[in-house]
Amino acid sequence: MPQLNPAPWFAILVFSWLIFLMVIPPKVLNHLPTNEIMAPSAEKLKSNTWNWPWH
């Protein structure tokens, strides 16, 4: 029964994970966001008060 022999399957598992861990992280870390995050201006944070009668 070849399923009980872990030698080739374990080697395939280890080598595939090593390849994934060596190839994918550099590609992900080199990704640059398309829009730079900017701090909101102080004028946008000001809100107008509502002067509505409540009665």
PDB file of N, CA and C in Angstrom:
ATOM      1  N   MET A   1       0.842  -1.174   0.000  1.00  0.00           N
ATOM      2  CA  MET A   1       0.000   0.000   0.000  1.00  0.00           C
ATOM      3  C   MET A   1       0.892   1.244   0.000  1.00  0.00           C
ATOM      4  N   PRO A   2       0.948   1.980  -1.088  1.00  0.00           N
ATOM      5  CA  PRO A   2       1.859   3.119  -1.169  1.00  0.00           C
ATOM      6  C   PRO A   2       1.458   4.293  -0.287  1.00  0.00           C
ATOM      7  N   GLN A   3       0.211   4.347   0.171  1.00  0.00           N
ATOM      8  CA  GLN A   3      -0.203   5.462   1.012  1.00  0.00           C
ATOM      9  C   GLN A   3       0.509   5.450   2.364  1.00  0.00           C
ATOM     10  N   LEU A   4       0.984   4.298   2.786  1.00  0.00           N
ATOM     11  CA  LEU A   4       1.621   4.196   4.090  1.00  0.00           C
ATOM     12  C   LEU A   4       3.087   4.608   4.064  1.00  0.00           C
ATOM     13  N   ASN A   5       3.656   4.791   2.883  1.00  0.00           N
ATOM     14  CA  ASN A   5       5.049   5.196   2.779  1.00  0.00           C
ATOM     15  C   ASN A   5       5.095   6.725   2.738  1.00  0.00           C
ATOM     16  N   PRO A   6       5.497   7.405   3.838  1.00  0.00           N
ATOM     17  CA  PRO A   6       5.439   8.867   3.864  1.00  0.00           C
ATOM     18  C   PRO A   6       6.623   9.557   3.181  1.00  0.00           C
ATOM     19  N   ALA A   7       7.623   8.798   2.787  1.00  0.00           N
ATOM     20  CA  ALA A   7       8.847   9.422   2.273  1.00  0.00           C
ATOM     21  C   ALA A   7       8.597  10.303   1.044  1.00  0.00           C
ATOM     22  N   PRO A   8       8.020   9.816  -0.050  1.00  0.00           N
ATOM     23  CA  PRO A   8       7.880  10.718  -1.205  1.00  0.00           C
ATOM     24  C   PRO A   8       6.854  11.822  -0.972  1.00  0.00           C
ATOM     25  N   TRP A   9       5.788  11.530  -0.255  1.00  0.00           N
ATOM     26  CA  TRP A   9       4.749  12.528  -0.052  1.00  0.00           C
ATOM     27  C   TRP A   9       5.217  13.628   0.886  1.00  0.00           C
ATOM     28  N   PHE A  10       5.968  13.259   1.895  1.00  0.00           N
ATOM     29  CA  PHE A  10       6.481  14.271   2.809  1.00  0.00           C
ATOM     30  C   PHE A  10       7.488  15.176   2.112  1.00  0.00           C
ATOM     31  N   ALA A  11       8.334  14.594   1.273  1.00  0.00           N
ATOM     32  CA  ALA A  11       9.318  15.396   0.533  1.00  0.00           C
ATOM     33  C   ALA A  11       8.609  16.355  -0.426  1.00  0.00           C
ATOM     34  N   ILE A  12       7.577  15.888  -1.100  1.00  0.00           N
ATOM     35  CA  ILE A  12       6.823  16.747  -2.011  1.00  0.00           C
ATOM     36  C   ILE A  12       6.163  17.879  -1.229  1.00  0.00           C
ATOM     37  N   LEU A  13       5.595  17.569  -0.086  1.00  0.00           N
ATOM     38  CA  LEU A  13       4.959  18.588   0.752  1.00  0.00           C
ATOM     39  C   LEU A  13       5.971  19.639   1.198  1.00  0.00           C
ATOM     40  N   VAL A  14       7.113  19.207   1.680  1.00  0.00           N
ATOM     41  CA  VAL A  14       8.125  20.141   2.179  1.00  0.00           C
ATOM     42  C   VAL A  14       8.665  21.006   1.051  1.00  0.00           C
ATOM     43  N   PHE A  15       8.987  20.402  -0.089  1.00  0.00           N
ATOM     44  CA  PHE A  15       9.538  21.185  -1.195  1.00  0.00           C
ATOM     45  C   PHE A  15       8.515  22.154  -1.774  1.00  0.00           C
ATOM     46  N   SER A  16       7.261  21.754  -1.835  1.00  0.00           N
ATOM     47  CA  SER A  16       6.250  22.672  -2.357  1.00  0.00           C
ATOM     48  C   SER A  16       6.069  23.854  -1.415  1.00  0.00           C
ATOM     49  N   TRP A  17       6.087  23.621  -0.083  1.00  0.00           N
ATOM     50  CA  TRP A  17       5.964  24.740   0.859  1.00  0.00           C
ATOM     51  C   TRP A  17       7.192  25.643   0.818  1.00  0.00           C
ATOM     52  N   LEU A  18       8.361  25.053   0.628  1.00  0.00           N
ATOM     53  CA  LEU A  18       9.559  25.884   0.517  1.00  0.00           C
ATOM     54  C   LEU A  18       9.489  26.771  -0.720  1.00  0.00           C
ATOM     55  N   ILE A  19       9.017  26.225  -1.817  1.00  0.00           N
ATOM     56  CA  ILE A  19       8.889  27.019  -3.037  1.00  0.00           C
ATOM     57  C   ILE A  19       7.870  28.128  -2.834  1.00  0.00           C
ATOM     58  N   PHE A  20       6.719  27.797  -2.241  1.00  0.00           N
ATOM     59  CA  PHE A  20       5.708  28.829  -2.005  1.00  0.00           C
ATOM     60  C   PHE A  20       6.227  29.924  -1.085  1.00  0.00           C
ATOM     61  N   LEU A  21       6.957  29.544  -0.047  1.00  0.00           N
ATOM     62  CA  LEU A  21       7.443  30.538   0.901  1.00  0.00           C
ATOM     63  C   LEU A  21       8.595  31.372   0.351  1.00  0.00           C
ATOM     64  N   MET A  22       9.259  30.897  -0.684  1.00  0.00           N
ATOM     65  CA  MET A  22      10.352  31.662  -1.276  1.00  0.00           C
ATOM     66  C   MET A  22       9.894  32.515  -2.450  1.00  0.00           C
ATOM     67  N   VAL A  23       8.802  32.170  -3.090  1.00  0.00           N
ATOM     68  CA  VAL A  23       8.355  32.885  -4.288  1.00  0.00           C
ATOM     69  C   VAL A  23       7.275  33.907  -3.962  1.00  0.00           C
ATOM     70  N   ILE A  24       6.294  33.546  -3.191  1.00  0.00           N
ATOM     71  CA  ILE A  24       5.126  34.412  -2.993  1.00  0.00           C
ATOM     72  C   ILE A  24       5.413  35.627  -2.096  1.00  0.00           C
ATOM     73  N   PRO A  25       6.076  35.518  -0.949  1.00  0.00           N
ATOM     74  CA  PRO A  25       6.268  36.709  -0.096  1.00  0.00           C
ATOM     75  C   PRO A  25       6.993  37.872  -0.769  1.00  0.00           C
ATOM     76  N   PRO A  26       8.063  37.670  -1.537  1.00  0.00           N
ATOM     77  CA  PRO A  26       8.670  38.833  -2.195  1.00  0.00           C
ATOM     78  C   PRO A  26       7.722  39.514  -3.179  1.00  0.00           C
ATOM     79  N   LYS A  27       6.904  38.746  -3.872  1.00  0.00           N
ATOM     80  CA  LYS A  27       5.960  39.344  -4.809  1.00  0.00           C
ATOM     81  C   LYS A  27       4.904  40.166  -4.067  1.00  0.00           C
ATOM     82  N   VAL A  28       4.462  39.676  -2.927  1.00  0.00           N
ATOM     83  CA  VAL A  28       3.450  40.402  -2.160  1.00  0.00           C
ATOM     84  C   VAL A  28       4.057  41.648  -1.524  1.00  0.00           C
ATOM     85  N   LEU A  29       5.267  41.544  -1.021  1.00  0.00           N
ATOM     86  CA  LEU A  29       5.895  42.680  -0.355  1.00  0.00           C
ATOM     87  C   LEU A  29       6.308  43.773  -1.335  1.00  0.00           C
ATOM     88  N   ASN A  30       6.498  43.445  -2.602  1.00  0.00           N
ATOM     89  CA  ASN A  30       6.850  44.455  -3.598  1.00  0.00           C
ATOM     90  C   ASN A  30       5.635  45.202  -4.114  1.00  0.00           C
ATOM     91  N   HIS A  31       4.461  44.807  -3.703  1.00  0.00           N
ATOM     92  CA  HIS A  31       3.238  45.467  -4.162  1.00  0.00           C
ATOM     93  C   HIS A  31       3.139  46.864  -3.568  1.00  0.00           C
ATOM     94  N   LEU A  32       2.821  47.838  -4.408  1.00  0.00           N
ATOM     95  CA  LEU A  32       2.637  49.202  -3.960  1.00  0.00           C
ATOM     96  C   LEU A  32       1.164  49.570  -4.095  1.00  0.00           C
ATOM     97  N   PRO A  33       0.612  50.226  -3.110  1.00  0.00           N
ATOM     98  CA  PRO A  33      -0.794  50.647  -3.241  1.00  0.00           C
ATOM     99  C   PRO A  33      -0.934  51.701  -4.325  1.00  0.00           C
ATOM    100  N   THR A  34      -2.049  51.681  -5.032  1.00  0.00           N
ATOM    101  CA  THR A  34      -2.250  52.633  -6.124  1.00  0.00           C
ATOM    102  C   THR A  34      -2.539  54.037  -5.604  1.00  0.00           C
ATOM    103  N   ASN A  35      -3.250  54.162  -4.515  1.00  0.00           N
ATOM    104  CA  ASN A  35      -3.572  55.468  -3.944  1.00  0.00           C
ATOM    105  C   ASN A  35      -2.839  55.635  -2.625  1.00  0.00           C
ATOM    106  N   GLU A  36      -2.106  56.713  -2.521  1.00  0.00           N
ATOM    107  CA  GLU A  36      -1.412  56.985  -1.270  1.00  0.00           C
ATOM    108  C   GLU A  36      -2.410  57.467  -0.226  1.00  0.00           C
ATOM    109  N   ILE A  37      -2.224  57.057   0.988  1.00  0.00           N
ATOM    110  CA  ILE A  37      -3.112  57.457   2.074  1.00  0.00           C
ATOM    111  C   ILE A  37      -2.708  58.848   2.533  1.00  0.00           C
ATOM    112  N   MET A  38      -3.680  59.749   2.524  1.00  0.00           N
ATOM    113  CA  MET A  38      -3.411  61.123   2.936  1.00  0.00           C
ATOM    114  C   MET A  38      -4.249  61.439   4.166  1.00  0.00           C
ATOM    115  N   ALA A  39      -3.708  62.276   5.043  1.00  0.00           N
ATOM    116  CA  ALA A  39      -4.448  62.696   6.227  1.00  0.00           C
ATOM    117  C   ALA A  39      -5.581  63.617   5.806  1.00  0.00           C
ATOM    118  N   PRO A  40      -6.745  63.485   6.407  1.00  0.00           N
ATOM    119  CA  PRO A  40      -7.854  64.380   6.044  1.00  0.00           C
ATOM    120  C   PRO A  40      -7.569  65.809   6.499  1.00  0.00           C
ATOM    121  N   SER A  41      -8.027  66.742   5.717  1.00  0.00           N
ATOM    122  CA  SER A  41      -7.783  68.146   6.078  1.00  0.00           C
ATOM    123  C   SER A  41      -8.711  68.548   7.220  1.00  0.00           C
ATOM    124  N   ALA A  42      -8.335  69.600   7.920  1.00  0.00           N
ATOM    125  CA  ALA A  42      -9.117  70.052   9.073  1.00  0.00           C
ATOM    126  C   ALA A  42     -10.458  70.630   8.633  1.00  0.00           C
ATOM    127  N   GLU A  43     -10.520  71.186   7.435  1.00  0.00           N
ATOM    128  CA  GLU A  43     -11.770  71.778   6.979  1.00  0.00           C
ATOM    129  C   GLU A  43     -12.837  70.716   6.743  1.00  0.00           C
ATOM    130  N   LYS A  44     -12.448  69.567   6.299  1.00  0.00           N
ATOM    131  CA  LYS A  44     -13.421  68.514   6.054  1.00  0.00           C
ATOM    132  C   LYS A  44     -13.979  67.939   7.356  1.00  0.00           C
ATOM    133  N   LEU A  45     -13.233  68.058   8.423  1.00  0.00           N
ATOM    134  CA  LEU A  45     -13.685  67.500   9.688  1.00  0.00           C
ATOM    135  C   LEU A  45     -14.716  68.380  10.377  1.00  0.00           C
ATOM    136  N   LYS A  46     -14.779  69.663  10.018  1.00  0.00           N
ATOM    137  CA  LYS A  46     -15.747  70.555  10.640  1.00  0.00           C
ATOM    138  C   LYS A  46     -17.143  70.221  10.126  1.00  0.00           C
ATOM    139  N   SER A  47     -18.072  70.156  11.030  1.00  0.00           N
ATOM    140  CA  SER A  47     -19.453  69.891  10.631  1.00  0.00           C
ATOM    141  C   SER A  47     -20.332  71.086  11.007  1.00  0.00           C
ATOM    142  N   ASN A  48     -21.322  71.311  10.194  1.00  0.00           N
ATOM    143  CA  ASN A  48     -22.257  72.397  10.474  1.00  0.00           C
ATOM    144  C   ASN A  48     -23.306  71.907  11.466  1.00  0.00           C
ATOM    145  N   THR A  49     -23.671  72.772  12.382  1.00  0.00           N
ATOM    146  CA  THR A  49     -24.713  72.392  13.348  1.00  0.00           C
ATOM    147  C   THR A  49     -26.066  72.602  12.736  1.00  0.00           C
ATOM    148  N   TRP A  50     -27.019  71.826  13.154  1.00  0.00           N
ATOM    149  CA  TRP A  50     -28.386  71.954  12.673  1.00  0.00           C
ATOM    150  C   TRP A  50     -29.139  72.903  13.598  1.00  0.00           C
ATOM    151  N   ASN A  51     -29.705  73.904  13.024  1.00  0.00           N
ATOM    152  CA  ASN A  51     -30.483  74.871  13.806  1.00  0.00           C
ATOM    153  C   ASN A  51     -31.969  74.615  13.598  1.00  0.00           C
ATOM    154  N   TRP A  52     -32.381  73.399  13.726  1.00  0.00           N
ATOM    155  CA  TRP A  52     -33.769  73.055  13.521  1.00  0.00           C
ATOM    156  C   TRP A  52     -34.543  73.190  14.828  1.00  0.00           C
ATOM    157  N   PRO A  53     -35.782  73.677  14.747  1.00  0.00           N
ATOM    158  CA  PRO A  53     -36.594  73.711  15.966  1.00  0.00           C
ATOM    159  C   PRO A  53     -37.018  72.287  16.337  1.00  0.00           C
ATOM    160  N   TRP A  54     -36.922  71.943  17.600  1.00  0.00           N
ATOM    161  CA  TRP A  54     -37.238  70.590  18.040  1.00  0.00           C
ATOM    162  C   TRP A  54     -38.639  70.497  18.637  1.00  0.00           C
ATOM    163  N   HIS A  55     -39.489  71.472  18.454  1.00  0.00           N
ATOM    164  CA  HIS A  55     -40.836  71.388  19.022  1.00  0.00           C
ATOM    165  C   HIS A  55     -41.879  71.552  17.940  1.00  0.00           C
TER     166      HIS A  55
END
